[in-house]
Amino acid sequence: MRIGELAARTGASRRSLRYYEQQGLLEAERTGEGWRSYGESAVNRVLNVRQLIGAGLTVEDIRQVAPCLDMKTRDFLSCRNSPASVLEMYEGRLAAVEARAAELERYRAALAERIALLRSGQPEGELGEVLRRAQK
């Protein structure tokens, strides 16, 4: 299949497909006219790559599970052909996501507190001083 059909079947843009190929995550043969041509397994590969990117993995991370990328998604999740370091990589990514979520929660709490102070009409501290100066 050509790149347009692969894009339509996977929801990936042509640009993304070319990027995956450039990064070694996807392979294409070339026709006599120079067009990219993909096998049927490319559909599963692209769907799996997109799912992994959507889960926050990097291209380097995804390369670690390359032996399993051609599998259907439900089979891919239980692939045993990946190196032992894959579980460690997933755990590392999860820890990074959890740390970022905690940081975002702190930001949310600080903003909610400031909004509550502003709505109460009693801004305090540094924010209140900035607001009072702005009103003059």
N, C-alpha and C. Protein backbone atom coordinates (compact mmCIF):
# COMPACT_ATOMS: atom_id res chain seq x y z
N MET A 1 0.85 -1.17 0.00
CA MET A 1 0.00 0.00 0.00
C MET A 1 0.89 1.23 0.00
N ARG A 2 0.37 2.30 -0.52
CA ARG A 2 1.12 3.55 -0.58
C ARG A 2 0.90 4.35 0.70
N ILE A 3 1.67 5.40 0.85
CA ILE A 3 1.67 6.20 2.08
C ILE A 3 0.30 6.80 2.38
N GLY A 4 -0.44 7.22 1.36
CA GLY A 4 -1.77 7.80 1.59
C GLY A 4 -2.74 6.80 2.19
N GLU A 5 -2.70 5.58 1.69
CA GLU A 5 -3.58 4.55 2.23
C GLU A 5 -3.19 4.20 3.66
N LEU A 6 -1.89 4.09 3.92
CA LEU A 6 -1.43 3.79 5.28
C LEU A 6 -1.85 4.91 6.24
N ALA A 7 -1.73 6.14 5.78
CA ALA A 7 -2.15 7.28 6.60
C ALA A 7 -3.65 7.19 6.90
N ALA A 8 -4.44 6.90 5.90
CA ALA A 8 -5.89 6.81 6.09
C ALA A 8 -6.27 5.68 7.03
N ARG A 9 -5.59 4.56 6.92
CA ARG A 9 -5.94 3.38 7.74
C ARG A 9 -5.48 3.51 9.19
N THR A 10 -4.51 4.36 9.44
CA THR A 10 -3.97 4.46 10.80
C THR A 10 -4.27 5.79 11.48
N GLY A 11 -4.70 6.78 10.72
CA GLY A 11 -4.94 8.10 11.31
C GLY A 11 -3.68 8.91 11.47
N ALA A 12 -2.56 8.39 11.00
CA ALA A 12 -1.29 9.12 11.08
C ALA A 12 -1.15 10.01 9.85
N SER A 13 -0.50 11.12 10.00
CA SER A 13 -0.26 11.98 8.84
C SER A 13 0.87 11.39 8.00
N ARG A 14 0.91 11.79 6.76
CA ARG A 14 2.01 11.35 5.88
C ARG A 14 3.34 11.81 6.45
N ARG A 15 3.34 13.00 7.00
CA ARG A 15 4.57 13.54 7.60
C ARG A 15 5.04 12.66 8.76
N SER A 16 4.09 12.22 9.60
CA SER A 16 4.44 11.33 10.71
C SER A 16 5.01 10.02 10.19
N LEU A 17 4.40 9.48 9.15
CA LEU A 17 4.89 8.21 8.59
C LEU A 17 6.30 8.35 8.06
N ARG A 18 6.58 9.46 7.40
CA ARG A 18 7.95 9.69 6.92
C ARG A 18 8.91 9.84 8.09
N TYR A 19 8.46 10.50 9.15
CA TYR A 19 9.29 10.64 10.35
C TYR A 19 9.57 9.28 10.99
N TYR A 20 8.55 8.44 11.11
CA TYR A 20 8.75 7.10 11.68
C TYR A 20 9.77 6.32 10.85
N GLU A 21 9.68 6.48 9.54
CA GLU A 21 10.63 5.80 8.66
C GLU A 21 12.04 6.35 8.89
N GLN A 22 12.15 7.66 8.98
CA GLN A 22 13.44 8.30 9.20
C GLN A 22 14.07 7.84 10.52
N GLN A 23 13.24 7.58 11.52
CA GLN A 23 13.72 7.17 12.83
C GLN A 23 13.93 5.67 12.94
N GLY A 24 13.66 4.93 11.88
CA GLY A 24 13.87 3.49 11.89
C GLY A 24 12.74 2.70 12.52
N LEU A 25 11.59 3.32 12.72
CA LEU A 25 10.44 2.64 13.31
C LEU A 25 9.54 2.01 12.26
N LEU A 26 9.72 2.38 11.02
CA LEU A 26 8.88 1.93 9.92
C LEU A 26 9.75 1.76 8.69
N GLU A 27 9.50 0.71 7.94
CA GLU A 27 10.26 0.48 6.72
C GLU A 27 9.33 0.49 5.51
N ALA A 28 9.84 1.05 4.43
CA ALA A 28 9.08 1.07 3.18
C ALA A 28 10.00 0.59 2.06
N GLU A 29 9.39 -0.11 1.14
CA GLU A 29 10.09 -0.44 -0.09
C GLU A 29 9.80 0.67 -1.08
N ARG A 30 10.56 0.73 -2.13
CA ARG A 30 10.33 1.75 -3.16
C ARG A 30 9.90 1.06 -4.45
N THR A 31 8.90 1.64 -5.06
CA THR A 31 8.45 1.12 -6.35
C THR A 31 9.41 1.61 -7.43
N GLY A 32 9.23 1.13 -8.64
CA GLY A 32 10.06 1.56 -9.76
C GLY A 32 9.97 3.06 -10.00
N GLU A 33 8.84 3.65 -9.64
CA GLU A 33 8.66 5.10 -9.79
C GLU A 33 9.19 5.88 -8.59
N GLY A 34 9.66 5.16 -7.56
CA GLY A 34 10.19 5.83 -6.37
C GLY A 34 9.17 6.04 -5.26
N TRP A 35 7.96 5.54 -5.43
CA TRP A 35 6.93 5.69 -4.40
C TRP A 35 7.21 4.75 -3.23
N ARG A 36 6.84 5.17 -2.05
CA ARG A 36 6.92 4.29 -0.88
C ARG A 36 5.83 3.23 -0.98
N SER A 37 6.17 2.02 -0.58
CA SER A 37 5.21 0.93 -0.58
C SER A 37 5.36 0.19 0.75
N TYR A 38 4.24 0.00 1.43
CA TYR A 38 4.24 -0.63 2.76
C TYR A 38 3.49 -1.95 2.72
N GLY A 39 3.95 -2.90 3.51
CA GLY A 39 3.25 -4.16 3.67
C GLY A 39 2.10 -4.02 4.66
N GLU A 40 1.28 -5.05 4.73
CA GLU A 40 0.11 -5.03 5.61
C GLU A 40 0.50 -4.86 7.08
N SER A 41 1.63 -5.42 7.49
CA SER A 41 2.04 -5.32 8.91
C SER A 41 2.36 -3.89 9.33
N ALA A 42 2.55 -3.00 8.35
CA ALA A 42 2.83 -1.60 8.67
C ALA A 42 1.66 -0.95 9.41
N VAL A 43 0.44 -1.43 9.15
CA VAL A 43 -0.73 -0.86 9.83
C VAL A 43 -0.60 -1.09 11.33
N ASN A 44 -0.33 -2.33 11.74
CA ASN A 44 -0.17 -2.60 13.18
C ASN A 44 1.00 -1.82 13.75
N ARG A 45 2.09 -1.79 13.01
CA ARG A 45 3.29 -1.09 13.48
C ARG A 45 2.98 0.37 13.76
N VAL A 46 2.33 1.04 12.83
CA VAL A 46 2.02 2.46 13.00
C VAL A 46 1.03 2.66 14.14
N LEU A 47 0.02 1.83 14.24
CA LEU A 47 -0.94 1.96 15.34
C LEU A 47 -0.24 1.79 16.69
N ASN A 48 0.67 0.84 16.79
CA ASN A 48 1.41 0.63 18.04
C ASN A 48 2.34 1.81 18.34
N VAL A 49 3.02 2.31 17.33
CA VAL A 49 3.91 3.46 17.53
C VAL A 49 3.10 4.66 18.02
N ARG A 50 1.96 4.90 17.39
CA ARG A 50 1.12 6.04 17.80
C ARG A 50 0.62 5.88 19.23
N GLN A 51 0.26 4.66 19.59
CA GLN A 51 -0.21 4.41 20.95
C GLN A 51 0.91 4.68 21.96
N LEU A 52 2.10 4.24 21.65
CA LEU A 52 3.23 4.44 22.56
C LEU A 52 3.61 5.91 22.67
N ILE A 53 3.60 6.62 21.56
CA ILE A 53 3.87 8.06 21.61
C ILE A 53 2.79 8.75 22.44
N GLY A 54 1.55 8.33 22.26
CA GLY A 54 0.44 8.89 23.05
C GLY A 54 0.56 8.61 24.53
N ALA A 55 1.30 7.55 24.88
CA ALA A 55 1.51 7.21 26.29
C ALA A 55 2.74 7.91 26.86
N GLY A 56 3.39 8.75 26.04
CA GLY A 56 4.51 9.53 26.53
C GLY A 56 5.88 8.94 26.28
N LEU A 57 5.96 7.88 25.50
CA LEU A 57 7.25 7.29 25.21
C LEU A 57 7.96 8.06 24.11
N THR A 58 9.27 8.01 24.14
CA THR A 58 10.08 8.66 23.12
C THR A 58 10.39 7.66 22.01
N VAL A 59 10.94 8.16 20.92
CA VAL A 59 11.36 7.29 19.82
C VAL A 59 12.40 6.30 20.33
N GLU A 60 13.32 6.77 21.16
CA GLU A 60 14.34 5.87 21.73
C GLU A 60 13.69 4.76 22.55
N ASP A 61 12.68 5.10 23.33
CA ASP A 61 11.95 4.09 24.11
C ASP A 61 11.31 3.07 23.17
N ILE A 62 10.67 3.57 22.13
CA ILE A 62 9.93 2.70 21.21
C ILE A 62 10.87 1.74 20.49
N ARG A 63 12.07 2.18 20.22
CA ARG A 63 13.03 1.28 19.57
C ARG A 63 13.28 0.02 20.40
N GLN A 64 13.14 0.13 21.71
CA GLN A 64 13.37 -1.02 22.58
C GLN A 64 12.32 -2.12 22.39
N VAL A 65 11.15 -1.76 21.92
CA VAL A 65 10.09 -2.75 21.71
C VAL A 65 9.88 -3.04 20.23
N ALA A 66 10.83 -2.65 19.40
CA ALA A 66 10.72 -2.82 17.95
C ALA A 66 10.38 -4.25 17.53
N PRO A 67 10.90 -5.30 18.20
CA PRO A 67 10.56 -6.66 17.76
C PRO A 67 9.07 -6.98 17.84
N CYS A 68 8.32 -6.20 18.59
CA CYS A 68 6.91 -6.48 18.81
C CYS A 68 5.97 -5.54 18.05
N LEU A 69 6.50 -4.53 17.40
CA LEU A 69 5.66 -3.49 16.82
C LEU A 69 4.72 -3.96 15.72
N ASP A 70 5.04 -5.03 15.02
CA ASP A 70 4.18 -5.50 13.94
C ASP A 70 2.97 -6.29 14.43
N MET A 71 2.92 -6.60 15.71
CA MET A 71 1.83 -7.41 16.26
C MET A 71 0.56 -6.58 16.38
N LYS A 72 -0.58 -7.25 16.38
CA LYS A 72 -1.83 -6.56 16.65
C LYS A 72 -1.74 -5.99 18.06
N THR A 73 -2.42 -4.89 18.30
CA THR A 73 -2.26 -4.17 19.55
C THR A 73 -2.50 -5.06 20.77
N ARG A 74 -3.53 -5.89 20.77
CA ARG A 74 -3.80 -6.72 21.95
C ARG A 74 -2.68 -7.73 22.18
N ASP A 75 -2.07 -8.23 21.11
CA ASP A 75 -0.94 -9.15 21.25
C ASP A 75 0.33 -8.40 21.63
N PHE A 76 0.46 -7.19 21.10
CA PHE A 76 1.63 -6.36 21.37
C PHE A 76 1.79 -6.11 22.87
N LEU A 77 0.69 -5.90 23.55
CA LEU A 77 0.74 -5.59 24.98
C LEU A 77 1.33 -6.73 25.80
N SER A 78 1.27 -7.95 25.30
CA SER A 78 1.82 -9.08 26.04
C SER A 78 3.02 -9.70 25.33
N CYS A 79 3.66 -8.96 24.45
CA CYS A 79 4.80 -9.45 23.69
C CYS A 79 5.95 -9.83 24.63
N ARG A 80 6.49 -10.99 24.40
CA ARG A 80 7.59 -11.48 25.22
C ARG A 80 8.94 -11.38 24.49
N ASN A 81 8.95 -10.82 23.29
CA ASN A 81 10.18 -10.74 22.51
C ASN A 81 10.99 -9.49 22.78
N SER A 82 10.54 -8.66 23.70
CA SER A 82 11.25 -7.43 24.02
C SER A 82 12.39 -7.73 24.99
N PRO A 83 13.42 -6.91 24.95
CA PRO A 83 14.50 -7.07 25.92
C PRO A 83 14.01 -6.87 27.35
N ALA A 84 14.74 -7.42 28.33
CA ALA A 84 14.34 -7.31 29.74
C ALA A 84 14.27 -5.85 30.20
N SER A 85 15.00 -4.97 29.55
CA SER A 85 15.03 -3.57 29.96
C SER A 85 13.73 -2.83 29.66
N VAL A 86 12.82 -3.44 28.92
CA VAL A 86 11.58 -2.77 28.54
C VAL A 86 10.72 -2.45 29.76
N LEU A 87 10.59 -3.40 30.67
CA LEU A 87 9.80 -3.14 31.86
C LEU A 87 10.40 -1.98 32.66
N GLU A 88 11.70 -1.96 32.76
CA GLU A 88 12.39 -0.87 33.46
C GLU A 88 12.12 0.47 32.76
N MET A 89 12.12 0.45 31.43
CA MET A 89 11.85 1.67 30.67
C MET A 89 10.43 2.16 30.93
N TYR A 90 9.44 1.24 30.88
CA TYR A 90 8.05 1.62 31.16
C TYR A 90 7.92 2.18 32.58
N GLU A 91 8.54 1.53 33.54
CA GLU A 91 8.47 2.00 34.93
C GLU A 91 9.10 3.38 35.07
N GLY A 92 10.20 3.62 34.36
CA GLY A 92 10.84 4.93 34.39
C GLY A 92 9.95 6.01 33.81
N ARG A 93 9.29 5.69 32.70
CA ARG A 93 8.37 6.65 32.09
C ARG A 93 7.19 6.94 33.01
N LEU A 94 6.67 5.89 33.66
CA LEU A 94 5.55 6.07 34.59
C LEU A 94 5.97 6.97 35.76
N ALA A 95 7.16 6.75 36.28
CA ALA A 95 7.66 7.60 37.38
C ALA A 95 7.77 9.05 36.93
N ALA A 96 8.23 9.29 35.71
CA ALA A 96 8.34 10.65 35.19
C ALA A 96 6.96 11.30 35.04
N VAL A 97 5.99 10.53 34.57
CA VAL A 97 4.63 11.05 34.41
C VAL A 97 4.03 11.37 35.78
N GLU A 98 4.25 10.48 36.75
CA GLU A 98 3.72 10.73 38.09
C GLU A 98 4.36 11.96 38.72
N ALA A 99 5.65 12.16 38.51
CA ALA A 99 6.32 13.35 39.04
C ALA A 99 5.75 14.62 38.40
N ARG A 100 5.54 14.56 37.10
CA ARG A 100 4.97 15.72 36.40
C ARG A 100 3.54 15.98 36.86
N ALA A 101 2.76 14.93 37.08
CA ALA A 101 1.39 15.09 37.57
C ALA A 101 1.38 15.74 38.95
N ALA A 102 2.31 15.36 39.81
CA ALA A 102 2.41 15.96 41.15
C ALA A 102 2.77 17.45 41.04
N GLU A 103 3.67 17.76 40.13
CA GLU A 103 4.05 19.15 39.91
C GLU A 103 2.86 19.96 39.41
N LEU A 104 2.11 19.42 38.47
CA LEU A 104 0.92 20.11 37.97
C LEU A 104 -0.14 20.28 39.06
N GLU A 105 -0.26 19.31 39.93
CA GLU A 105 -1.21 19.42 41.04
C GLU A 105 -0.81 20.57 41.98
N ARG A 106 0.48 20.73 42.21
CA ARG A 106 0.94 21.87 43.04
C ARG A 106 0.59 23.20 42.36
N TYR A 107 0.80 23.28 41.04
CA TYR A 107 0.44 24.50 40.31
C TYR A 107 -1.05 24.76 40.42
N ARG A 108 -1.86 23.70 40.25
CA ARG A 108 -3.30 23.85 40.32
C ARG A 108 -3.73 24.37 41.68
N ALA A 109 -3.16 23.82 42.75
CA ALA A 109 -3.52 24.23 44.11
C ALA A 109 -3.15 25.70 44.34
N ALA A 110 -1.97 26.11 43.88
CA ALA A 110 -1.55 27.49 44.06
C ALA A 110 -2.47 28.45 43.30
N LEU A 111 -2.82 28.08 42.08
CA LEU A 111 -3.73 28.94 41.29
C LEU A 111 -5.12 28.99 41.91
N ALA A 112 -5.63 27.87 42.36
CA ALA A 112 -6.95 27.84 42.98
C ALA A 112 -6.97 28.71 44.23
N GLU A 113 -5.89 28.67 44.99
CA GLU A 113 -5.82 29.50 46.20
C GLU A 113 -5.83 30.98 45.84
N ARG A 114 -5.07 31.36 44.83
CA ARG A 114 -5.05 32.76 44.41
C ARG A 114 -6.41 33.21 43.89
N ILE A 115 -7.05 32.37 43.13
CA ILE A 115 -8.38 32.71 42.62
C ILE A 115 -9.36 32.89 43.77
N ALA A 116 -9.30 32.01 44.74
CA ALA A 116 -10.20 32.13 45.91
C ALA A 116 -9.94 33.43 46.65
N LEU A 117 -8.69 33.81 46.82
CA LEU A 117 -8.37 35.07 47.49
C LEU A 117 -8.90 36.26 46.69
N LEU A 118 -8.73 36.23 45.39
CA LEU A 118 -9.21 37.33 44.56
C LEU A 118 -10.73 37.43 44.60
N ARG A 119 -11.40 36.30 44.57
CA ARG A 119 -12.87 36.31 44.61
C ARG A 119 -13.40 36.78 45.96
N SER A 120 -12.65 36.54 47.01
CA SER A 120 -13.10 36.96 48.34
C SER A 120 -12.89 38.45 48.55
N GLY A 121 -12.17 39.09 47.64
CA GLY A 121 -11.92 40.52 47.77
C GLY A 121 -10.82 40.82 48.75
N GLN A 122 -10.13 39.85 49.23
CA GLN A 122 -9.08 40.03 50.22
C GLN A 122 -7.73 39.49 49.74
N PRO A 123 -7.23 39.92 48.59
CA PRO A 123 -5.93 39.41 48.17
C PRO A 123 -4.87 39.75 49.20
N GLU A 124 -4.05 38.79 49.50
CA GLU A 124 -3.03 38.96 50.53
C GLU A 124 -1.65 38.76 49.94
N GLY A 125 -0.66 39.18 50.69
CA GLY A 125 0.71 38.89 50.33
C GLY A 125 1.15 39.61 49.07
N GLU A 126 2.12 39.03 48.42
CA GLU A 126 2.75 39.61 47.24
C GLU A 126 1.75 39.83 46.11
N LEU A 127 0.86 38.89 45.86
CA LEU A 127 -0.13 39.04 44.80
C LEU A 127 -1.05 40.23 45.10
N GLY A 128 -1.47 40.37 46.34
CA GLY A 128 -2.33 41.49 46.71
C GLY A 128 -1.66 42.82 46.49
N GLU A 129 -0.38 42.92 46.83
CA GLU A 129 0.37 44.17 46.63
C GLU A 129 0.48 44.50 45.14
N VAL A 130 0.75 43.51 44.32
CA VAL A 130 0.85 43.73 42.87
C VAL A 130 -0.49 44.24 42.34
N LEU A 131 -1.59 43.62 42.79
CA LEU A 131 -2.91 44.03 42.33
C LEU A 131 -3.26 45.45 42.79
N ARG A 132 -2.90 45.78 44.05
CA ARG A 132 -3.19 47.13 44.55
C ARG A 132 -2.42 48.19 43.75
N ARG A 133 -1.16 47.90 43.42
CA ARG A 133 -0.36 48.83 42.63
C ARG A 133 -0.95 48.98 41.22
N ALA A 134 -1.47 47.93 40.67
CA ALA A 134 -2.02 47.97 39.32
C ALA A 134 -3.29 48.80 39.26
N GLN A 135 -4.03 48.91 40.38
CA GLN A 135 -5.29 49.64 40.41
C GLN A 135 -5.05 51.15 40.51
N LYS A 136 -3.86 51.59 40.88
CA LYS A 136 -3.57 53.02 41.05
C LYS A 136 -3.33 53.71 39.73
